[in-house]
Amino acid sequence: AIFYTVLLEFSPEAIKGMEAGHWTDNLSIMTY
């Protein structure tokens, strides 16, 4: 989940199906 969250910080379009936002929100969604 941390790997995915860091990836979104550098590449917000890396994951489809979510809107990359604040890293705390990203971490929660990426945990799921």
PDB file of all heavy atoms in Angstrom:
ATOM      1  N   ALA A   1       0.835  -1.206   0.000  1.00  0.00           N
ATOM      2  CA  ALA A   1       0.000   0.000   0.000  1.00  0.00           C
ATOM      3  C   ALA A   1       0.869   1.254   0.000  1.00  0.00           C
ATOM      4  O   ALA A   1       0.557   2.248  -0.674  1.00  0.00           O
ATOM      5  CB  ALA A   1      -0.927  -0.004   1.217  1.00  0.00           C
ATOM      6  N   ILE A   2       1.975   1.220   0.737  1.00  0.00           N
ATOM      7  CA  ILE A   2       2.894   2.360   0.747  1.00  0.00           C
ATOM      8  C   ILE A   2       3.569   2.514  -0.612  1.00  0.00           C
ATOM      9  O   ILE A   2       3.730   3.631  -1.116  1.00  0.00           O
ATOM     10  CB  ILE A   2       3.937   2.197   1.868  1.00  0.00           C
ATOM     11  CG1 ILE A   2       3.247   2.254   3.228  1.00  0.00           C
ATOM     12  CG2 ILE A   2       5.008   3.288   1.772  1.00  0.00           C
ATOM     13  CD1 ILE A   2       4.170   2.026   4.406  1.00  0.00           C
ATOM     14  N   PHE A   3       3.954   1.406  -1.227  1.00  0.00           N
ATOM     15  CA  PHE A   3       4.546   1.476  -2.571  1.00  0.00           C
ATOM     16  C   PHE A   3       3.596   2.176  -3.546  1.00  0.00           C
ATOM     17  O   PHE A   3       3.991   3.062  -4.312  1.00  0.00           O
ATOM     18  CB  PHE A   3       4.865   0.066  -3.094  1.00  0.00           C
ATOM     19  CG  PHE A   3       6.043  -0.591  -2.442  1.00  0.00           C
ATOM     20  CD1 PHE A   3       6.121  -1.964  -2.331  1.00  0.00           C
ATOM     21  CD2 PHE A   3       7.103   0.165  -1.946  1.00  0.00           C
ATOM     22  CE1 PHE A   3       7.209  -2.579  -1.736  1.00  0.00           C
ATOM     23  CE2 PHE A   3       8.195  -0.428  -1.355  1.00  0.00           C
ATOM     24  CZ  PHE A   3       8.248  -1.807  -1.246  1.00  0.00           C
ATOM     25  N   TYR A   4       2.330   1.772  -3.525  1.00  0.00           N
ATOM     26  CA  TYR A   4       1.342   2.368  -4.434  1.00  0.00           C
ATOM     27  C   TYR A   4       1.125   3.850  -4.115  1.00  0.00           C
ATOM     28  O   TYR A   4       0.978   4.672  -5.030  1.00  0.00           O
ATOM     29  CB  TYR A   4       0.010   1.625  -4.331  1.00  0.00           C
ATOM     30  CG  TYR A   4       0.044   0.190  -4.764  1.00  0.00           C
ATOM     31  CD1 TYR A   4      -0.516  -0.814  -3.971  1.00  0.00           C
ATOM     32  CD2 TYR A   4       0.628  -0.180  -5.973  1.00  0.00           C
ATOM     33  CE1 TYR A   4      -0.485  -2.138  -4.372  1.00  0.00           C
ATOM     34  CE2 TYR A   4       0.656  -1.508  -6.378  1.00  0.00           C
ATOM     35  CZ  TYR A   4       0.101  -2.485  -5.569  1.00  0.00           C
ATOM     36  OH  TYR A   4       0.140  -3.800  -5.961  1.00  0.00           O
ATOM     37  N   THR A   5       1.102   4.183  -2.829  1.00  0.00           N
ATOM     38  CA  THR A   5       0.893   5.575  -2.436  1.00  0.00           C
ATOM     39  C   THR A   5       2.029   6.466  -2.915  1.00  0.00           C
ATOM     40  O   THR A   5       1.794   7.567  -3.437  1.00  0.00           O
ATOM     41  CB  THR A   5       0.760   5.683  -0.906  1.00  0.00           C
ATOM     42  OG1 THR A   5      -0.331   4.860  -0.467  1.00  0.00           O
ATOM     43  CG2 THR A   5       0.487   7.124  -0.484  1.00  0.00           C
ATOM     44  N   VAL A   6       3.254   6.004  -2.746  1.00  0.00           N
ATOM     45  CA  VAL A   6       4.413   6.766  -3.230  1.00  0.00           C
ATOM     46  C   VAL A   6       4.366   6.887  -4.748  1.00  0.00           C
ATOM     47  O   VAL A   6       4.664   7.948  -5.316  1.00  0.00           O
ATOM     48  CB  VAL A   6       5.727   6.099  -2.778  1.00  0.00           C
ATOM     49  CG1 VAL A   6       6.932   6.778  -3.422  1.00  0.00           C
ATOM     50  CG2 VAL A   6       5.857   6.146  -1.253  1.00  0.00           C
ATOM     51  N   LEU A   7       3.985   5.813  -5.421  1.00  0.00           N
ATOM     52  CA  LEU A   7       3.877   5.852  -6.887  1.00  0.00           C
ATOM     53  C   LEU A   7       2.894   6.924  -7.331  1.00  0.00           C
ATOM     54  O   LEU A   7       3.156   7.668  -8.288  1.00  0.00           O
ATOM     55  CB  LEU A   7       3.447   4.484  -7.412  1.00  0.00           C
ATOM     56  CG  LEU A   7       3.210   4.379  -8.920  1.00  0.00           C
ATOM     57  CD1 LEU A   7       4.498   4.676  -9.692  1.00  0.00           C
ATOM     58  CD2 LEU A   7       2.672   3.001  -9.286  1.00  0.00           C
ATOM     59  N   LEU A   8       1.765   7.041  -6.633  1.00  0.00           N
ATOM     60  CA  LEU A   8       0.773   8.047  -6.991  1.00  0.00           C
ATOM     61  C   LEU A   8       1.289   9.465  -6.786  1.00  0.00           C
ATOM     62  O   LEU A   8       0.850  10.398  -7.467  1.00  0.00           O
ATOM     63  CB  LEU A   8      -0.505   7.848  -6.175  1.00  0.00           C
ATOM     64  CG  LEU A   8      -1.398   6.682  -6.586  1.00  0.00           C
ATOM     65  CD1 LEU A   8      -2.565   6.531  -5.626  1.00  0.00           C
ATOM     66  CD2 LEU A   8      -1.909   6.865  -8.012  1.00  0.00           C
ATOM     67  N   GLU A   9       2.213   9.651  -5.840  1.00  0.00           N
ATOM     68  CA  GLU A   9       2.785  10.975  -5.627  1.00  0.00           C
ATOM     69  C   GLU A   9       3.583  11.428  -6.844  1.00  0.00           C
ATOM     70  O   GLU A   9       3.640  12.615  -7.167  1.00  0.00           O
ATOM     71  CB  GLU A   9       3.686  10.966  -4.384  1.00  0.00           C
ATOM     72  CG  GLU A   9       2.943  10.837  -3.070  1.00  0.00           C
ATOM     73  CD  GLU A   9       2.041  12.028  -2.797  1.00  0.00           C
ATOM     74  OE1 GLU A   9       2.537  13.170  -2.862  1.00  0.00           O
ATOM     75  OE2 GLU A   9       0.845  11.816  -2.536  1.00  0.00           O
ATOM     76  N   PHE A  10       4.217  10.483  -7.528  1.00  0.00           N
ATOM     77  CA  PHE A  10       5.028  10.807  -8.711  1.00  0.00           C
ATOM     78  C   PHE A  10       4.260  10.634 -10.016  1.00  0.00           C
ATOM     79  O   PHE A  10       4.581  11.275 -11.012  1.00  0.00           O
ATOM     80  CB  PHE A  10       6.285   9.921  -8.739  1.00  0.00           C
ATOM     81  CG  PHE A  10       7.246  10.190  -7.621  1.00  0.00           C
ATOM     82  CD1 PHE A  10       7.242   9.420  -6.473  1.00  0.00           C
ATOM     83  CD2 PHE A  10       8.152  11.249  -7.705  1.00  0.00           C
ATOM     84  CE1 PHE A  10       8.123   9.674  -5.427  1.00  0.00           C
ATOM     85  CE2 PHE A  10       9.040  11.508  -6.675  1.00  0.00           C
ATOM     86  CZ  PHE A  10       9.027  10.732  -5.530  1.00  0.00           C
ATOM     87  N   SER A  11       3.261   9.752  -9.998  1.00  0.00           N
ATOM     88  CA  SER A  11       2.519   9.461 -11.222  1.00  0.00           C
ATOM     89  C   SER A  11       1.035   9.288 -10.883  1.00  0.00           C
ATOM     90  O   SER A  11       0.555   8.155 -10.711  1.00  0.00           O
ATOM     91  CB  SER A  11       3.077   8.193 -11.889  1.00  0.00           C
ATOM     92  OG  SER A  11       2.369   7.878 -13.066  1.00  0.00           O
ATOM     93  N   PRO A  12       0.292  10.402 -10.759  1.00  0.00           N
ATOM     94  CA  PRO A  12      -1.117  10.332 -10.332  1.00  0.00           C
ATOM     95  C   PRO A  12      -2.005   9.509 -11.259  1.00  0.00           C
ATOM     96  O   PRO A  12      -3.067   9.048 -10.826  1.00  0.00           O
ATOM     97  CB  PRO A  12      -1.547  11.802 -10.341  1.00  0.00           C
ATOM     98  CG  PRO A  12      -0.278  12.583 -10.199  1.00  0.00           C
ATOM     99  CD  PRO A  12       0.757  11.785 -10.929  1.00  0.00           C
ATOM    100  N   GLU A  13      -1.575   9.331 -12.508  1.00  0.00           N
ATOM    101  CA  GLU A  13      -2.404   8.576 -13.459  1.00  0.00           C
ATOM    102  C   GLU A  13      -2.055   7.090 -13.472  1.00  0.00           C
ATOM    103  O   GLU A  13      -2.575   6.329 -14.299  1.00  0.00           O
ATOM    104  CB  GLU A  13      -2.224   9.155 -14.861  1.00  0.00           C
ATOM    105  CG  GLU A  13      -0.899   8.844 -15.565  1.00  0.00           C
ATOM    106  CD  GLU A  13       0.275   9.664 -15.018  1.00  0.00           C
ATOM    107  OE1 GLU A  13       0.035  10.561 -14.190  1.00  0.00           O
ATOM    108  OE2 GLU A  13       1.421   9.384 -15.423  1.00  0.00           O
ATOM    109  N   ALA A  14      -1.212   6.630 -12.558  1.00  0.00           N
ATOM    110  CA  ALA A  14      -0.732   5.243 -12.577  1.00  0.00           C
ATOM    111  C   ALA A  14      -1.822   4.232 -12.249  1.00  0.00           C
ATOM    112  O   ALA A  14      -1.761   3.081 -12.678  1.00  0.00           O
ATOM    113  CB  ALA A  14       0.441   5.079 -11.605  1.00  0.00           C
ATOM    114  N   ILE A  15      -2.823   4.658 -11.476  1.00  0.00           N
ATOM    115  CA  ILE A  15      -3.905   3.763 -11.057  1.00  0.00           C
ATOM    116  C   ILE A  15      -5.231   4.291 -11.587  1.00  0.00           C
ATOM    117  O   ILE A  15      -5.596   5.440 -11.347  1.00  0.00           O
ATOM    118  CB  ILE A  15      -3.980   3.648  -9.523  1.00  0.00           C
ATOM    119  CG1 ILE A  15      -2.624   3.233  -8.946  1.00  0.00           C
ATOM    120  CG2 ILE A  15      -5.060   2.661  -9.112  1.00  0.00           C
ATOM    121  CD1 ILE A  15      -2.198   1.830  -9.246  1.00  0.00           C
ATOM    122  N   LYS A  16      -5.953   3.463 -12.323  1.00  0.00           N
ATOM    123  CA  LYS A  16      -7.247   3.854 -12.881  1.00  0.00           C
ATOM    124  C   LYS A  16      -8.368   3.446 -11.938  1.00  0.00           C
ATOM    125  O   LYS A  16      -8.293   2.418 -11.277  1.00  0.00           O
ATOM    126  CB  LYS A  16      -7.454   3.172 -14.241  1.00  0.00           C
ATOM    127  CG  LYS A  16      -8.745   3.559 -14.948  1.00  0.00           C
ATOM    128  CD  LYS A  16      -8.832   2.915 -16.321  1.00  0.00           C
ATOM    129  CE  LYS A  16      -9.010   1.408 -16.213  1.00  0.00           C
ATOM    130  NZ  LYS A  16      -9.245   0.779 -17.533  1.00  0.00           N
ATOM    131  N   GLY A  17      -9.421   4.285 -11.879  1.00  0.00           N
ATOM    132  CA  GLY A  17     -10.572   3.956 -11.054  1.00  0.00           C
ATOM    133  C   GLY A  17     -10.634   4.763  -9.774  1.00  0.00           C
ATOM    134  O   GLY A  17     -11.509   4.536  -8.936  1.00  0.00           O
ATOM    135  N   MET A  18      -9.696   5.702  -9.613  1.00  0.00           N
ATOM    136  CA  MET A  18      -9.694   6.572  -8.445  1.00  0.00           C
ATOM    137  C   MET A  18      -9.133   7.920  -8.838  1.00  0.00           C
ATOM    138  O   MET A  18      -8.433   8.046  -9.831  1.00  0.00           O
ATOM    139  CB  MET A  18      -8.848   5.975  -7.320  1.00  0.00           C
ATOM    140  CG  MET A  18      -7.378   5.789  -7.676  1.00  0.00           C
ATOM    141  SD  MET A  18      -6.326   5.476  -6.263  1.00  0.00           S
ATOM    142  CE  MET A  18      -6.308   7.057  -5.442  1.00  0.00           C
ATOM    143  N   GLU A  19      -9.496   8.926  -8.074  1.00  0.00           N
ATOM    144  CA  GLU A  19      -8.956  10.256  -8.283  1.00  0.00           C
ATOM    145  C   GLU A  19      -7.856  10.487  -7.277  1.00  0.00           C
ATOM    146  O   GLU A  19      -8.103  10.559  -6.077  1.00  0.00           O
ATOM    147  CB  GLU A  19     -10.060  11.305  -8.088  1.00  0.00           C
ATOM    148  CG  GLU A  19     -10.259  12.171  -9.327  1.00  0.00           C
ATOM    149  CD  GLU A  19     -11.336  13.205  -9.105  1.00  0.00           C
ATOM    150  OE1 GLU A  19     -11.025  14.270  -8.565  1.00  0.00           O
ATOM    151  OE2 GLU A  19     -12.477  12.911  -9.474  1.00  0.00           O
ATOM    152  N   ALA A  20      -6.614  10.567  -7.750  1.00  0.00           N
ATOM    153  CA  ALA A  20      -5.491  10.775  -6.843  1.00  0.00           C
ATOM    154  C   ALA A  20      -5.635  12.123  -6.158  1.00  0.00           C
ATOM    155  O   ALA A  20      -5.812  13.150  -6.812  1.00  0.00           O
ATOM    156  CB  ALA A  20      -4.172  10.701  -7.611  1.00  0.00           C
ATOM    157  N   GLY A  21      -5.607  12.121  -4.837  1.00  0.00           N
ATOM    158  CA  GLY A  21      -5.748  13.354  -4.078  1.00  0.00           C
ATOM    159  C   GLY A  21      -4.654  13.501  -3.053  1.00  0.00           C
ATOM    160  O   GLY A  21      -3.487  13.185  -3.321  1.00  0.00           O
ATOM    161  N   HIS A  22      -5.022  13.947  -1.845  1.00  0.00           N
ATOM    162  CA  HIS A  22      -4.054  14.069  -0.759  1.00  0.00           C
ATOM    163  C   HIS A  22      -3.504  12.690  -0.417  1.00  0.00           C
ATOM    164  O   HIS A  22      -4.213  11.692  -0.479  1.00  0.00           O
ATOM    165  CB  HIS A  22      -4.732  14.697   0.460  1.00  0.00           C
ATOM    166  CG  HIS A  22      -3.769  15.146   1.514  1.00  0.00           C
ATOM    167  ND1 HIS A  22      -3.361  14.326   2.536  1.00  0.00           N
ATOM    168  CD2 HIS A  22      -3.127  16.327   1.694  1.00  0.00           C
ATOM    169  CE1 HIS A  22      -2.515  14.975   3.332  1.00  0.00           C
ATOM    170  NE2 HIS A  22      -2.355  16.202   2.824  1.00  0.00           N
ATOM    171  N   TRP A  23      -2.228  12.649  -0.049  1.00  0.00           N
ATOM    172  CA  TRP A  23      -1.589  11.346   0.147  1.00  0.00           C
ATOM    173  C   TRP A  23      -2.253  10.518   1.243  1.00  0.00           C
ATOM    174  O   TRP A  23      -2.231   9.277   1.176  1.00  0.00           O
ATOM    175  CB  TRP A  23      -0.101  11.515   0.428  1.00  0.00           C
ATOM    176  CG  TRP A  23       0.244  12.101   1.772  1.00  0.00           C
ATOM    177  CD1 TRP A  23       0.411  13.413   2.081  1.00  0.00           C
ATOM    178  CD2 TRP A  23       0.471  11.371   2.981  1.00  0.00           C
ATOM    179  NE1 TRP A  23       0.723  13.565   3.402  1.00  0.00           N
ATOM    180  CE2 TRP A  23       0.777  12.325   3.983  1.00  0.00           C
ATOM    181  CE3 TRP A  23       0.454  10.026   3.320  1.00  0.00           C
ATOM    182  CZ2 TRP A  23       1.053  11.962   5.298  1.00  0.00           C
ATOM    183  CZ3 TRP A  23       0.732   9.660   4.639  1.00  0.00           C
ATOM    184  CH2 TRP A  23       1.031  10.619   5.604  1.00  0.00           C
ATOM    185  N   THR A  24      -2.874  11.154   2.232  1.00  0.00           N
ATOM    186  CA  THR A  24      -3.556  10.388   3.272  1.00  0.00           C
ATOM    187  C   THR A  24      -4.768   9.648   2.707  1.00  0.00           C
ATOM    188  O   THR A  24      -5.033   8.507   3.073  1.00  0.00           O
ATOM    189  CB  THR A  24      -3.998  11.312   4.423  1.00  0.00           C
ATOM    190  OG1 THR A  24      -4.768  12.401   3.895  1.00  0.00           O
ATOM    191  CG2 THR A  24      -2.796  11.873   5.157  1.00  0.00           C
ATOM    192  N   ASP A  25      -5.492  10.311   1.800  1.00  0.00           N
ATOM    193  CA  ASP A  25      -6.609   9.638   1.135  1.00  0.00           C
ATOM    194  C   ASP A  25      -6.099   8.537   0.221  1.00  0.00           C
ATOM    195  O   ASP A  25      -6.686   7.445   0.149  1.00  0.00           O
ATOM    196  CB  ASP A  25      -7.432  10.644   0.330  1.00  0.00           C
ATOM    197  CG  ASP A  25      -8.157  11.648   1.216  1.00  0.00           C
ATOM    198  OD1 ASP A  25      -8.538  11.272   2.336  1.00  0.00           O
ATOM    199  OD2 ASP A  25      -8.329  12.804   0.793  1.00  0.00           O
ATOM    200  N   ASN A  26      -5.020   8.828  -0.502  1.00  0.00           N
ATOM    201  CA  ASN A  26      -4.437   7.823  -1.383  1.00  0.00           C
ATOM    202  C   ASN A  26      -4.006   6.581  -0.613  1.00  0.00           C
ATOM    203  O   ASN A  26      -4.198   5.444  -1.060  1.00  0.00           O
ATOM    204  CB  ASN A  26      -3.224   8.400  -2.124  1.00  0.00           C
ATOM    205  CG  ASN A  26      -3.609   9.483  -3.118  1.00  0.00           C
ATOM    206  OD1 ASN A  26      -4.770   9.598  -3.511  1.00  0.00           O
ATOM    207  ND2 ASN A  26      -2.635  10.282  -3.519  1.00  0.00           N
ATOM    208  N   LEU A  27      -3.405   6.795   0.568  1.00  0.00           N
ATOM    209  CA  LEU A  27      -2.924   5.671   1.376  1.00  0.00           C
ATOM    210  C   LEU A  27      -4.078   4.773   1.796  1.00  0.00           C
ATOM    211  O   LEU A  27      -3.972   3.533   1.737  1.00  0.00           O
ATOM    212  CB  LEU A  27      -2.184   6.196   2.609  1.00  0.00           C
ATOM    213  CG  LEU A  27      -1.635   5.136   3.578  1.00  0.00           C
ATOM    214  CD1 LEU A  27      -0.666   4.206   2.869  1.00  0.00           C
ATOM    215  CD2 LEU A  27      -0.965   5.802   4.773  1.00  0.00           C
ATOM    216  N   SER A  28      -5.188   5.371   2.182  1.00  0.00           N
ATOM    217  CA  SER A  28      -6.344   4.588   2.598  1.00  0.00           C
ATOM    218  C   SER A  28      -6.905   3.768   1.442  1.00  0.00           C
ATOM    219  O   SER A  28      -7.179   2.568   1.578  1.00  0.00           O
ATOM    220  CB  SER A  28      -7.425   5.512   3.159  1.00  0.00           C
ATOM    221  OG  SER A  28      -8.554   4.775   3.552  1.00  0.00           O
ATOM    222  N   ILE A  29      -7.052   4.399   0.280  1.00  0.00           N
ATOM    223  CA  ILE A  29      -7.593   3.692  -0.891  1.00  0.00           C
ATOM    224  C   ILE A  29      -6.616   2.635  -1.385  1.00  0.00           C
ATOM    225  O   ILE A  29      -7.005   1.526  -1.766  1.00  0.00           O
ATOM    226  CB  ILE A  29      -7.919   4.690  -2.014  1.00  0.00           C
ATOM    227  CG1 ILE A  29      -8.989   5.674  -1.551  1.00  0.00           C
ATOM    228  CG2 ILE A  29      -8.399   3.957  -3.267  1.00  0.00           C
ATOM    229  CD1 ILE A  29      -9.246   6.805  -2.520  1.00  0.00           C
ATOM    230  N   MET A  30      -5.332   2.959  -1.365  1.00  0.00           N
ATOM    231  CA  MET A  30      -4.325   2.004  -1.829  1.00  0.00           C
ATOM    232  C   MET A  30      -4.172   0.828  -0.867  1.00  0.00           C
ATOM    233  O   MET A  30      -3.728  -0.249  -1.272  1.00  0.00           O
ATOM    234  CB  MET A  30      -2.986   2.714  -2.025  1.00  0.00           C
ATOM    235  CG  MET A  30      -2.932   3.625  -3.249  1.00  0.00           C
ATOM    236  SD  MET A  30      -3.214   2.746  -4.826  1.00  0.00           S
ATOM    237  CE  MET A  30      -4.975   2.989  -5.081  1.00  0.00           C
ATOM    238  N   THR A  31      -4.531   1.028   0.381  1.00  0.00           N
ATOM    239  CA  THR A  31      -4.544  -0.094   1.324  1.00  0.00           C
ATOM    240  C   THR A  31      -5.610  -1.102   0.907  1.00  0.00           C
ATOM    241  O   THR A  31      -5.374  -2.323   0.893  1.00  0.00           O
ATOM    242  CB  THR A  31      -4.803   0.398   2.755  1.00  0.00           C
ATOM    243  OG1 THR A  31      -3.738   1.281   3.144  1.00  0.00           O
ATOM    244  CG2 THR A  31      -4.849  -0.774   3.724  1.00  0.00           C
ATOM    245  N   TYR A  32      -6.783  -0.587   0.572  1.00  0.00           N
ATOM    246  CA  TYR A  32      -7.851  -1.460   0.059  1.00  0.00           C
ATOM    247  C   TYR A  32      -7.389  -2.173  -1.212  1.00  0.00           C
ATOM    248  O   TYR A  32      -7.510  -3.400  -1.336  1.00  0.00           O
ATOM    249  CB  TYR A  32      -9.102  -0.628  -0.216  1.00  0.00           C
ATOM    250  CG  TYR A  32     -10.042  -1.247  -1.215  1.00  0.00           C
ATOM    251  CD1 TYR A  32     -10.873  -2.313  -0.856  1.00  0.00           C
ATOM    252  CD2 TYR A  32     -10.097  -0.772  -2.521  1.00  0.00           C
ATOM    253  CE1 TYR A  32     -11.724  -2.892  -1.776  1.00  0.00           C
ATOM    254  CE2 TYR A  32     -10.951  -1.338  -3.446  1.00  0.00           C
ATOM    255  CZ  TYR A  32     -11.763  -2.408  -3.074  1.00  0.00           C
ATOM    256  OH  TYR A  32     -12.600  -2.976  -4.003  1.00  0.00           O
TER     257      TYR A  32
END
